[in-house]
PDB file of N, CA and C in Angstrom:
ATOM      1  N   MET A   1       0.987  -1.014  -0.267  1.00  0.00           N
ATOM      2  CA  MET A   1       0.050   0.196  -0.175  1.00  0.00           C
ATOM      3  C   MET A   1       0.920   1.441  -0.295  1.00  0.00           C
ATOM      4  N   PRO A   2       0.583   2.303  -1.305  1.00  0.00           N
ATOM      5  CA  PRO A   2       1.175   3.335  -0.948  1.00  0.00           C
ATOM      6  C   PRO A   2       1.571   3.861   0.473  1.00  0.00           C
ATOM      7  N   LEU A   3       2.829   5.083   0.515  1.00  0.00           N
ATOM      8  CA  LEU A   3       2.766   5.364   1.857  1.00  0.00           C
ATOM      9  C   LEU A   3       2.350   6.957   1.481  1.00  0.00           C
ATOM     10  N   ASN A   4       2.425   7.506   0.426  1.00  0.00           N
ATOM     11  CA  ASN A   4       2.332   8.869   0.085  1.00  0.00           C
ATOM     12  C   ASN A   4       1.175   9.072  -0.978  1.00  0.00           C
ATOM     13  N   LYS A   5       1.015  10.619  -1.554  1.00  0.00           N
ATOM     14  CA  LYS A   5       0.505  11.124  -2.987  1.00  0.00           C
ATOM     15  C   LYS A   5       1.988  10.469  -4.021  1.00  0.00           C
ATOM     16  N   LEU A   6       2.876  10.820  -2.994  1.00  0.00           N
ATOM     17  CA  LEU A   6       4.274  10.837  -4.659  1.00  0.00           C
ATOM     18  C   LEU A   6       4.034   9.328  -4.994  1.00  0.00           C
ATOM     19  N   ASP A   7       3.751   8.272  -4.335  1.00  0.00           N
ATOM     20  CA  ASP A   7       4.014   6.334  -4.364  1.00  0.00           C
ATOM     21  C   ASP A   7       2.439   7.091  -5.615  1.00  0.00           C
ATOM     22  N   ASN A   8       1.418   7.302  -5.589  1.00  0.00           N
ATOM     23  CA  ASN A   8       0.531   7.070  -5.788  1.00  0.00           C
ATOM     24  C   ASN A   8       0.907   7.561  -8.001  1.00  0.00           C
ATOM     25  N   PHE A   9       1.502   8.651  -7.970  1.00  0.00           N
ATOM     26  CA  PHE A   9       1.897   9.086  -8.596  1.00  0.00           C
ATOM     27  C   PHE A   9       2.440   8.182  -9.312  1.00  0.00           C
ATOM     28  N   ILE A  10       2.741   7.353  -9.070  1.00  0.00           N
ATOM     29  CA  ILE A  10       4.681   7.058  -9.924  1.00  0.00           C
ATOM     30  C   ILE A  10       4.576   6.064 -10.087  1.00  0.00           C
ATOM     31  N   LYS A  11       2.994   5.123  -9.819  1.00  0.00           N
ATOM     32  CA  LYS A  11       3.029   3.939  -9.469  1.00  0.00           C
ATOM     33  C   LYS A  11       2.169   3.760 -11.171  1.00  0.00           C
ATOM     34  N   ASN A  12       1.629   2.749 -12.033  1.00  0.00           N
ATOM     35  CA  ASN A  12       1.627   2.862 -13.138  1.00  0.00           C
ATOM     36  C   ASN A  12       0.194   1.456 -12.729  1.00  0.00           C
ATOM     37  N   THR A  13      -0.957   2.156 -12.669  1.00  0.00           N
ATOM     38  CA  THR A  13      -1.884   0.908 -11.768  1.00  0.00           C
ATOM     39  C   THR A  13      -2.221  -0.502 -13.234  1.00  0.00           C
ATOM     40  N   GLU A  14      -1.743   0.120 -14.850  1.00  0.00           N
ATOM     41  CA  GLU A  14      -3.011  -0.583 -15.351  1.00  0.00           C
ATOM     42  C   GLU A  14      -1.724  -1.828 -15.336  1.00  0.00           C
ATOM     43  N   GLY A  15      -0.998  -1.581 -14.823  1.00  0.00           N
ATOM     44  CA  GLY A  15       0.493  -3.301 -15.117  1.00  0.00           C
ATOM     45  C   GLY A  15       1.511  -3.128 -16.394  1.00  0.00           C
ATOM     46  N   ARG A  16       1.275  -1.942 -17.420  1.00  0.00           N
ATOM     47  CA  ARG A  16       1.876  -2.919 -18.512  1.00  0.00           C
ATOM     48  C   ARG A  16       2.657  -1.837 -18.686  1.00  0.00           C
ATOM     49  N   ILE A  17       3.075  -0.905 -17.967  1.00  0.00           N
ATOM     50  CA  ILE A  17       5.317  -0.645 -17.857  1.00  0.00           C
ATOM     51  C   ILE A  17       4.995  -1.625 -16.685  1.00  0.00           C
ATOM     52  N   LEU A  18       6.603  -2.148 -16.928  1.00  0.00           N
ATOM     53  CA  LEU A  18       7.083  -2.408 -15.650  1.00  0.00           C
ATOM     54  C   LEU A  18       8.776  -1.920 -15.694  1.00  0.00           C
ATOM     55  N   TYR A  19       8.838  -1.367 -14.428  1.00  0.00           N
ATOM     56  CA  TYR A  19      10.334  -1.160 -14.611  1.00  0.00           C
ATOM     57  C   TYR A  19      11.336  -1.761 -14.478  1.00  0.00           C
ATOM     58  N   VAL A  20      12.668  -1.502 -14.292  1.00  0.00           N
ATOM     59  CA  VAL A  20      13.987  -2.313 -14.240  1.00  0.00           C
ATOM     60  C   VAL A  20      15.365  -1.068 -14.188  1.00  0.00           C
ATOM     61  N   SER A  21      15.420  -1.416 -12.416  1.00  0.00           N
ATOM     62  CA  SER A  21      16.513   0.172 -12.675  1.00  0.00           C
ATOM     63  C   SER A  21      17.221  -1.272 -11.967  1.00  0.00           C
ATOM     64  N   PRO A  22      18.533  -1.375 -12.006  1.00  0.00           N
ATOM     65  CA  PRO A  22      20.451  -1.991 -11.390  1.00  0.00           C
ATOM     66  C   PRO A  22      20.170  -1.397 -10.256  1.00  0.00           C
ATOM     67  N   SER A  23      20.703   0.232 -10.567  1.00  0.00           N
ATOM     68  CA  SER A  23      21.268   0.604  -9.435  1.00  0.00           C
ATOM     69  C   SER A  23      20.166   1.425  -9.032  1.00  0.00           C
ATOM     70  N   ASP A  24      19.364   1.390  -8.456  1.00  0.00           N
ATOM     71  CA  ASP A  24      18.629   1.880  -7.737  1.00  0.00           C
ATOM     72  C   ASP A  24      18.672   1.348  -6.125  1.00  0.00           C
ATOM     73  N   LEU A  25      18.858   1.483  -5.407  1.00  0.00           N
ATOM     74  CA  LEU A  25      18.914   1.197  -3.660  1.00  0.00           C
ATOM     75  C   LEU A  25      17.629   0.412  -3.574  1.00  0.00           C
ATOM     76  N   ASP A  26      15.995   1.334  -3.775  1.00  0.00           N
ATOM     77  CA  ASP A  26      15.201  -0.087  -3.309  1.00  0.00           C
ATOM     78  C   ASP A  26      14.641  -0.602  -4.705  1.00  0.00           C
ATOM     79  N   SER A  27      15.341  -1.032  -5.442  1.00  0.00           N
ATOM     80  CA  SER A  27      14.990  -2.044  -6.827  1.00  0.00           C
ATOM     81  C   SER A  27      15.087  -2.712  -5.879  1.00  0.00           C
ATOM     82  N   THR A  28      14.310  -4.641  -6.229  1.00  0.00           N
ATOM     83  CA  THR A  28      14.969  -5.812  -6.360  1.00  0.00           C
ATOM     84  C   THR A  28      13.861  -7.156  -6.759  1.00  0.00           C
ATOM     85  N   ASP A  29      14.535  -7.645  -6.437  1.00  0.00           N
ATOM     86  CA  ASP A  29      13.411  -8.976  -7.169  1.00  0.00           C
ATOM     87  C   ASP A  29      12.404  -9.554  -6.548  1.00  0.00           C
ATOM     88  N   SER A  30      12.422  -9.520  -5.293  1.00  0.00           N
ATOM     89  CA  SER A  30      11.258 -10.121  -4.673  1.00  0.00           C
ATOM     90  C   SER A  30      10.223 -10.506  -5.435  1.00  0.00           C
ATOM     91  N   ILE A  31       9.347 -11.165  -5.130  1.00  0.00           N
ATOM     92  CA  ILE A  31       8.191 -12.225  -4.743  1.00  0.00           C
ATOM     93  C   ILE A  31       6.959 -11.723  -4.824  1.00  0.00           C
ATOM     94  N   THR A  32       7.406 -10.818  -3.968  1.00  0.00           N
ATOM     95  CA  THR A  32       6.082  -9.693  -3.518  1.00  0.00           C
ATOM     96  C   THR A  32       6.308  -8.081  -4.438  1.00  0.00           C
ATOM     97  N   ASN A  33       7.144  -7.632  -5.690  1.00  0.00           N
ATOM     98  CA  ASN A  33       7.340  -6.513  -5.913  1.00  0.00           C
ATOM     99  C   ASN A  33       7.143  -6.935  -7.558  1.00  0.00           C
ATOM    100  N   SER A  34       5.830  -6.144  -7.346  1.00  0.00           N
ATOM    101  CA  SER A  34       5.376  -6.060  -9.032  1.00  0.00           C
ATOM    102  C   SER A  34       5.174  -5.344 -10.507  1.00  0.00           C
ATOM    103  N   GLY A  35       7.017  -5.091 -10.040  1.00  0.00           N
ATOM    104  CA  GLY A  35       7.968  -4.035 -10.863  1.00  0.00           C
ATOM    105  C   GLY A  35       7.199  -2.642 -11.640  1.00  0.00           C
ATOM    106  N   ASN A  36       5.667  -2.392 -10.879  1.00  0.00           N
ATOM    107  CA  ASN A  36       4.955  -1.591 -11.990  1.00  0.00           C
ATOM    108  C   ASN A  36       5.404  -0.110 -11.219  1.00  0.00           C
ATOM    109  N   SER A  37       5.938   0.093 -10.528  1.00  0.00           N
ATOM    110  CA  SER A  37       6.476   1.428  -9.547  1.00  0.00           C
ATOM    111  C   SER A  37       7.946   1.742  -9.914  1.00  0.00           C
ATOM    112  N   LEU A  38       8.195   3.283 -10.213  1.00  0.00           N
ATOM    113  CA  LEU A  38       9.464   3.712 -10.108  1.00  0.00           C
ATOM    114  C   LEU A  38      10.473   3.601  -8.748  1.00  0.00           C
ATOM    115  N   ALA A  39       9.461   3.994  -7.961  1.00  0.00           N
ATOM    116  CA  ALA A  39      10.359   3.514  -6.062  1.00  0.00           C
ATOM    117  C   ALA A  39      10.288   2.057  -6.542  1.00  0.00           C
ATOM    118  N   ARG A  40       9.276   1.429  -6.235  1.00  0.00           N
ATOM    119  CA  ARG A  40      10.686  -0.336  -6.252  1.00  0.00           C
ATOM    120  C   ARG A  40      10.439  -1.827  -7.759  1.00  0.00           C
ATOM    121  N   PRO A  41      11.744  -0.479  -8.142  1.00  0.00           N
ATOM    122  CA  PRO A  41      11.556  -1.242  -9.657  1.00  0.00           C
ATOM    123  C   PRO A  41      12.587  -2.903 -10.107  1.00  0.00           C
ATOM    124  N   PHE A  42      12.533  -3.521 -10.620  1.00  0.00           N
ATOM    125  CA  PHE A  42      12.588  -5.723 -10.797  1.00  0.00           C
ATOM    126  C   PHE A  42      14.501  -4.323 -10.710  1.00  0.00           C
ATOM    127  N   LYS A  43      15.297  -5.399 -10.359  1.00  0.00           N
ATOM    128  CA  LYS A  43      16.507  -4.847 -10.114  1.00  0.00           C
ATOM    129  C   LYS A  43      17.738  -5.944 -11.638  1.00  0.00           C
ATOM    130  N   THR A  44      17.136  -6.300 -11.685  1.00  0.00           N
ATOM    131  CA  THR A  44      17.243  -6.819 -13.269  1.00  0.00           C
ATOM    132  C   THR A  44      15.888  -7.723 -14.459  1.00  0.00           C
ATOM    133  N   LEU A  45      17.124  -7.281 -15.986  1.00  0.00           N
ATOM    134  CA  LEU A  45      15.914  -7.932 -16.006  1.00  0.00           C
ATOM    135  C   LEU A  45      15.113  -9.402 -17.085  1.00  0.00           C
ATOM    136  N   GLN A  46      15.746 -10.061 -16.317  1.00  0.00           N
ATOM    137  CA  GLN A  46      15.068 -11.673 -16.858  1.00  0.00           C
ATOM    138  C   GLN A  46      13.921 -11.652 -15.456  1.00  0.00           C
ATOM    139  N   ARG A  47      13.452 -11.409 -14.315  1.00  0.00           N
ATOM    140  CA  ARG A  47      12.772 -10.377 -13.257  1.00  0.00           C
ATOM    141  C   ARG A  47      11.755 -10.086 -14.374  1.00  0.00           C
ATOM    142  N   ALA A  48      12.090  -8.971 -14.380  1.00  0.00           N
ATOM    143  CA  ALA A  48      11.087  -8.040 -15.277  1.00  0.00           C
ATOM    144  C   ALA A  48      10.173  -8.855 -16.676  1.00  0.00           C
ATOM    145  N   LEU A  49      10.964 -10.042 -17.753  1.00  0.00           N
ATOM    146  CA  LEU A  49      10.373 -10.415 -18.506  1.00  0.00           C
ATOM    147  C   LEU A  49       9.929 -11.787 -18.379  1.00  0.00           C
ATOM    148  N   ILE A  50      10.571 -12.671 -16.847  1.00  0.00           N
ATOM    149  CA  ILE A  50       9.119 -13.676 -16.122  1.00  0.00           C
ATOM    150  C   ILE A  50       7.551 -12.526 -15.898  1.00  0.00           C
ATOM    151  N   GLU A  51       7.753 -11.529 -15.166  1.00  0.00           N
ATOM    152  CA  GLU A  51       6.651 -11.260 -14.752  1.00  0.00           C
ATOM    153  C   GLU A  51       5.816 -10.322 -16.559  1.00  0.00           C
ATOM    154  N   SER A  52       6.939 -10.234 -17.187  1.00  0.00           N
ATOM    155  CA  SER A  52       6.124 -10.079 -18.933  1.00  0.00           C
ATOM    156  C   SER A  52       5.327 -11.220 -19.300  1.00  0.00           C
ATOM    157  N   ALA A  53       5.723 -12.060 -19.008  1.00  0.00           N
ATOM    158  CA  ALA A  53       5.061 -13.579 -19.535  1.00  0.00           C
ATOM    159  C   ALA A  53       3.886 -13.714 -19.191  1.00  0.00           C
ATOM    160  N   ARG A  54       4.387 -13.859 -17.670  1.00  0.00           N
ATOM    161  CA  ARG A  54       3.062 -13.668 -17.013  1.00  0.00           C
ATOM    162  C   ARG A  54       1.556 -13.132 -16.995  1.00  0.00           C
ATOM    163  N   PHE A  55       2.305 -12.168 -17.187  1.00  0.00           N
ATOM    164  CA  PHE A  55       0.344 -11.429 -17.723  1.00  0.00           C
ATOM    165  C   PHE A  55       0.233 -11.605 -18.817  1.00  0.00           C
ATOM    166  N   SER A  56       1.196 -11.452 -19.862  1.00  0.00           N
ATOM    167  CA  SER A  56       0.190 -11.896 -21.632  1.00  0.00           C
ATOM    168  C   SER A  56       0.226 -13.828 -21.602  1.00  0.00           C
ATOM    169  N   TYR A  57      -0.230 -14.441 -20.558  1.00  0.00           N
ATOM    170  CA  TYR A  57       0.132 -15.461 -20.872  1.00  0.00           C
ATOM    171  C   TYR A  57      -1.433 -15.416 -21.131  1.00  0.00           C
ATOM    172  N   VAL A  58      -3.066 -16.676 -21.377  1.00  0.00           N
ATOM    173  CA  VAL A  58      -3.559 -16.642 -21.495  1.00  0.00           C
ATOM    174  C   VAL A  58      -4.616 -17.494 -22.094  1.00  0.00           C
ATOM    175  N   ARG A  59      -5.132 -18.600 -22.204  1.00  0.00           N
ATOM    176  CA  ARG A  59      -5.331 -20.476 -21.834  1.00  0.00           C
ATOM    177  C   ARG A  59      -6.343 -20.337 -23.567  1.00  0.00           C
ATOM    178  N   GLY A  60      -5.556 -20.816 -23.655  1.00  0.00           N
ATOM    179  CA  GLY A  60      -6.709 -21.984 -24.714  1.00  0.00           C
ATOM    180  C   GLY A  60      -5.653 -21.574 -25.992  1.00  0.00           C
ATOM    181  N   ARG A  61      -6.517 -21.798 -27.237  1.00  0.00           N
ATOM    182  CA  ARG A  61      -5.990 -21.499 -28.371  1.00  0.00           C
ATOM    183  C   ARG A  61      -6.444 -19.973 -29.472  1.00  0.00           C
ATOM    184  N   ASN A  62      -5.494 -20.504 -30.487  1.00  0.00           N
ATOM    185  CA  ASN A  62      -4.660 -18.762 -30.928  1.00  0.00           C
ATOM    186  C   ASN A  62      -4.717 -17.649 -29.402  1.00  0.00           C
ATOM    187  N   ASN A  63      -4.017 -17.563 -28.968  1.00  0.00           N
ATOM    188  CA  ASN A  63      -4.111 -16.675 -27.485  1.00  0.00           C
ATOM    189  C   ASN A  63      -3.161 -15.600 -27.880  1.00  0.00           C
ATOM    190  N   ASP A  64      -2.202 -15.934 -28.609  1.00  0.00           N
ATOM    191  CA  ASP A  64      -1.043 -15.051 -28.986  1.00  0.00           C
ATOM    192  C   ASP A  64      -0.866 -13.514 -28.544  1.00  0.00           C
ATOM    193  N   ILE A  65      -0.511 -12.870 -27.549  1.00  0.00           N
ATOM    194  CA  ILE A  65      -0.829 -11.416 -27.447  1.00  0.00           C
ATOM    195  C   ILE A  65      -0.132 -11.390 -27.684  1.00  0.00           C
ATOM    196  N   THR A  66       0.586  -9.747 -28.173  1.00  0.00           N
ATOM    197  CA  THR A  66       1.677  -8.812 -28.109  1.00  0.00           C
ATOM    198  C   THR A  66       1.911  -7.687 -27.259  1.00  0.00           C
ATOM    199  N   GLU A  67       2.009  -7.073 -27.051  1.00  0.00           N
ATOM    200  CA  GLU A  67       2.756  -5.431 -27.109  1.00  0.00           C
ATOM    201  C   GLU A  67       1.933  -6.064 -25.667  1.00  0.00           C
ATOM    202  N   LYS A  68       1.778  -6.485 -24.887  1.00  0.00           N
ATOM    203  CA  LYS A  68       0.477  -6.657 -23.519  1.00  0.00           C
ATOM    204  C   LYS A  68       1.650  -5.382 -22.706  1.00  0.00           C
ATOM    205  N   THR A  69       2.605  -5.189 -22.557  1.00  0.00           N
ATOM    206  CA  THR A  69       3.497  -4.742 -21.433  1.00  0.00           C
ATOM    207  C   THR A  69       4.922  -3.685 -22.121  1.00  0.00           C
ATOM    208  N   THR A  70       5.277  -3.161 -20.983  1.00  0.00           N
ATOM    209  CA  THR A  70       6.278  -2.661 -21.941  1.00  0.00           C
ATOM    210  C   THR A  70       7.323  -2.878 -20.701  1.00  0.00           C
ATOM    211  N   ILE A  71       8.858  -2.523 -21.130  1.00  0.00           N
ATOM    212  CA  ILE A  71       9.592  -2.376 -20.289  1.00  0.00           C
ATOM    213  C   ILE A  71      10.388  -1.713 -20.241  1.00  0.00           C
ATOM    214  N   LEU A  72      10.657  -0.799 -19.005  1.00  0.00           N
ATOM    215  CA  LEU A  72      11.900   0.391 -19.267  1.00  0.00           C
ATOM    216  C   LEU A  72      12.276  -0.231 -18.462  1.00  0.00           C
ATOM    217  N   LEU A  73      13.676   0.544 -19.177  1.00  0.00           N
ATOM    218  CA  LEU A  73      14.920  -0.191 -18.454  1.00  0.00           C
ATOM    219  C   LEU A  73      15.996   1.330 -18.324  1.00  0.00           C
ATOM    220  N   MET A  74      15.679   1.324 -17.405  1.00  0.00           N
ATOM    221  CA  MET A  74      16.079   3.091 -16.291  1.00  0.00           C
ATOM    222  C   MET A  74      17.909   2.716 -16.380  1.00  0.00           C
ATOM    223  N   PRO A  75      18.897   3.918 -16.421  1.00  0.00           N
ATOM    224  CA  PRO A  75      21.042   3.134 -16.083  1.00  0.00           C
ATOM    225  C   PRO A  75      21.111   3.133 -16.059  1.00  0.00           C
ATOM    226  N   GLY A  76      21.875   2.164 -16.154  1.00  0.00           N
ATOM    227  CA  GLY A  76      22.874   1.569 -15.952  1.00  0.00           C
ATOM    228  C   GLY A  76      23.862   0.228 -16.196  1.00  0.00           C
ATOM    229  N   ASP A  77      24.070  -1.300 -16.001  1.00  0.00           N
ATOM    230  CA  ASP A  77      24.536  -1.750 -16.150  1.00  0.00           C
ATOM    231  C   ASP A  77      24.258  -2.698 -16.397  1.00  0.00           C
ATOM    232  N   HIS A  78      23.356  -3.379 -17.236  1.00  0.00           N
ATOM    233  CA  HIS A  78      22.453  -4.848 -16.721  1.00  0.00           C
ATOM    234  C   HIS A  78      22.958  -6.174 -16.932  1.00  0.00           C
ATOM    235  N   ILE A  79      23.070  -6.824 -16.497  1.00  0.00           N
ATOM    236  CA  ILE A  79      24.184  -7.979 -16.754  1.00  0.00           C
ATOM    237  C   ILE A  79      23.032  -9.388 -16.751  1.00  0.00           C
ATOM    238  N   ILE A  80      22.827  -9.608 -17.851  1.00  0.00           N
ATOM    239  CA  ILE A  80      22.188 -10.968 -18.440  1.00  0.00           C
ATOM    240  C   ILE A  80      23.348 -12.418 -17.767  1.00  0.00           C
ATOM    241  N   ASP A  81      22.112 -13.263 -16.959  1.00  0.00           N
ATOM    242  CA  ASP A  81      22.616 -14.046 -16.966  1.00  0.00           C
ATOM    243  C   ASP A  81      22.058 -15.869 -17.221  1.00  0.00           C
ATOM    244  N   ASN A  82      22.979 -16.258 -18.067  1.00  0.00           N
ATOM    245  CA  ASN A  82      22.371 -16.903 -19.096  1.00  0.00           C
ATOM    246  C   ASN A  82      22.666 -18.763 -19.454  1.00  0.00           C
TER     247      ASN A  82
END
């Protein structure tokens, strides 16, 4: 739950934009983090990709949904563990 009006302002309520900032002190890949707020972005791109895939999943046939989410990368060193 947001603590102040600023958190409400910078949070994406639709969940379509996921933020990634490896250098932010409040960034985390915790399971409780939804990544849709500039106040608590994801730490890694991999976590944002997992959440993006989870949002776009629809059961059934012919269910390819594209352009459902946007991942916004903040400046910093992004390391991909392959």
